[in-house]
Amino acid sequence: MPKVIQGNRTSGNSIDVSSIDVDYSENYPEGVDLTPGSKTHNRLVDEILHRASDSHDIMSQRYDSWNKIDEVLTATLS
């Protein structure tokens, strides 16, 4: 079964990257704040997790048919 990425930050399963003591100021183009914990960073993370969840919902509808194909195409040694 595939791993499911959960976007719910209140679950306690994720770490708060904004608390990590790293200087990110020189890693981004001028005018863009992608520092972990910033509004832009959080918005991007939320968008990515939302899209991953949508993708999982669509692709999981195919799991049963993929499993049947695997069964048919799997050779067994007797």
C-alpha atoms as a PDB file:
ATOM      1  CA  MET A   1       0.000   0.000   0.000  1.00  0.00           C
ATOM      2  CA  PRO A   2       1.410   3.431  -0.876  1.00  0.00           C
ATOM      3  CA  LYS A   3       2.346   6.032   1.705  1.00  0.00           C
ATOM      4  CA  VAL A   4      -0.193   8.819   2.060  1.00  0.00           C
ATOM      5  CA  ILE A   5       1.072  12.340   2.627  1.00  0.00           C
ATOM      6  CA  GLN A   6      -1.101  14.209   5.078  1.00  0.00           C
ATOM      7  CA  GLY A   7      -1.214  17.986   4.923  1.00  0.00           C
ATOM      8  CA  ASN A   8      -2.704  18.469   8.363  1.00  0.00           C
ATOM      9  CA  ARG A   9      -0.068  20.292  10.370  1.00  0.00           C
ATOM     10  CA  THR A  10      -2.064  20.071  13.587  1.00  0.00           C
ATOM     11  CA  SER A  11      -1.693  16.291  13.779  1.00  0.00           C
ATOM     12  CA  GLY A  12       1.668  16.493  15.523  1.00  0.00           C
ATOM     13  CA  ASN A  13       3.304  14.158  13.009  1.00  0.00           C
ATOM     14  CA  SER A  14       5.417  16.858  11.394  1.00  0.00           C
ATOM     15  CA  ILE A  15       8.323  18.915  12.640  1.00  0.00           C
ATOM     16  CA  ASP A  16       8.366  22.703  12.829  1.00  0.00           C
ATOM     17  CA  VAL A  17      11.141  23.565  10.379  1.00  0.00           C
ATOM     18  CA  SER A  18      10.979  27.241  11.343  1.00  0.00           C
ATOM     19  CA  SER A  19      12.499  26.300  14.728  1.00  0.00           C
ATOM     20  CA  ILE A  20      15.671  24.892  13.114  1.00  0.00           C
ATOM     21  CA  ASP A  21      18.539  27.344  13.506  1.00  0.00           C
ATOM     22  CA  VAL A  22      19.748  27.746   9.911  1.00  0.00           C
ATOM     23  CA  ASP A  23      20.405  30.963   7.990  1.00  0.00           C
ATOM     24  CA  TYR A  24      18.447  30.715   4.745  1.00  0.00           C
ATOM     25  CA  SER A  25      18.779  34.388   3.786  1.00  0.00           C
ATOM     26  CA  GLU A  26      21.375  33.878   1.024  1.00  0.00           C
ATOM     27  CA  ASN A  27      19.695  30.902  -0.656  1.00  0.00           C
ATOM     28  CA  TYR A  28      16.779  32.669  -2.380  1.00  0.00           C
ATOM     29  CA  PRO A  29      16.494  35.282  -5.129  1.00  0.00           C
ATOM     30  CA  GLU A  30      15.979  38.877  -4.061  1.00  0.00           C
ATOM     31  CA  GLY A  31      12.414  39.614  -3.005  1.00  0.00           C
ATOM     32  CA  VAL A  32      11.390  35.967  -2.505  1.00  0.00           C
ATOM     33  CA  ASP A  33      11.033  34.698   1.051  1.00  0.00           C
ATOM     34  CA  LEU A  34      11.021  30.903   1.034  1.00  0.00           C
ATOM     35  CA  THR A  35      12.367  30.618   4.560  1.00  0.00           C
ATOM     36  CA  PRO A  36      10.657  27.705   6.343  1.00  0.00           C
ATOM     37  CA  GLY A  37       7.759  29.124   8.323  1.00  0.00           C
ATOM     38  CA  SER A  38       7.263  32.153   6.054  1.00  0.00           C
ATOM     39  CA  LYS A  39       3.861  32.813   4.441  1.00  0.00           C
ATOM     40  CA  THR A  40       5.176  31.958   0.975  1.00  0.00           C
ATOM     41  CA  HIS A  41       6.826  28.747   2.171  1.00  0.00           C
ATOM     42  CA  ASN A  42       3.719  27.620   4.047  1.00  0.00           C
ATOM     43  CA  ARG A  43       1.491  28.408   1.050  1.00  0.00           C
ATOM     44  CA  LEU A  44       3.739  26.371  -1.262  1.00  0.00           C
ATOM     45  CA  VAL A  45       3.865  23.441   1.156  1.00  0.00           C
ATOM     46  CA  ASP A  46       0.066  23.498   1.471  1.00  0.00           C
ATOM     47  CA  GLU A  47      -0.337  23.592  -2.343  1.00  0.00           C
ATOM     48  CA  ILE A  48       2.094  20.702  -2.858  1.00  0.00           C
ATOM     49  CA  LEU A  49       0.424  18.565  -0.184  1.00  0.00           C
ATOM     50  CA  HIS A  50      -3.018  19.380  -1.598  1.00  0.00           C
ATOM     51  CA  ARG A  51      -1.946  18.327  -5.096  1.00  0.00           C
ATOM     52  CA  ALA A  52      -0.296  15.150  -3.778  1.00  0.00           C
ATOM     53  CA  SER A  53      -3.512  14.299  -1.933  1.00  0.00           C
ATOM     54  CA  ASP A  54      -5.617  14.933  -5.058  1.00  0.00           C
ATOM     55  CA  SER A  55      -3.261  12.743  -7.080  1.00  0.00           C
ATOM     56  CA  HIS A  56      -3.480   9.963  -4.501  1.00  0.00           C
ATOM     57  CA  ASP A  57      -7.283  10.113  -4.543  1.00  0.00           C
ATOM     58  CA  ILE A  58      -7.384   9.703  -8.325  1.00  0.00           C
ATOM     59  CA  MET A  59      -4.640   7.086  -8.607  1.00  0.00           C
ATOM     60  CA  SER A  60      -5.946   4.963  -5.731  1.00  0.00           C
ATOM     61  CA  GLN A  61      -9.061   4.259  -7.805  1.00  0.00           C
ATOM     62  CA  ARG A  62      -6.815   2.201 -10.078  1.00  0.00           C
ATOM     63  CA  TYR A  63      -5.148   0.061  -7.394  1.00  0.00           C
ATOM     64  CA  ASP A  64      -7.687  -2.773  -7.628  1.00  0.00           C
ATOM     65  CA  SER A  65      -7.304  -3.090 -11.397  1.00  0.00           C
ATOM     66  CA  TRP A  66      -3.506  -2.922 -11.107  1.00  0.00           C
ATOM     67  CA  ASN A  67      -3.555  -5.713  -8.511  1.00  0.00           C
ATOM     68  CA  LYS A  68      -5.695  -7.887 -10.800  1.00  0.00           C
ATOM     69  CA  ILE A  69      -3.268  -7.290 -13.689  1.00  0.00           C
ATOM     70  CA  ASP A  70      -0.361  -8.235 -11.388  1.00  0.00           C
ATOM     71  CA  GLU A  71      -2.133 -11.471 -10.434  1.00  0.00           C
ATOM     72  CA  VAL A  72      -2.740 -12.413 -14.063  1.00  0.00           C
ATOM     73  CA  LEU A  73       0.802 -11.578 -15.170  1.00  0.00           C
ATOM     74  CA  THR A  74       2.601 -13.173 -12.206  1.00  0.00           C
ATOM     75  CA  ALA A  75       4.138 -16.520 -13.045  1.00  0.00           C
ATOM     76  CA  THR A  76       4.069 -19.152 -10.335  1.00  0.00           C
ATOM     77  CA  LEU A  77       6.520 -22.005 -10.132  1.00  0.00           C
ATOM     78  CA  SER A  78       4.951 -25.342  -9.313  1.00  0.00           C
END
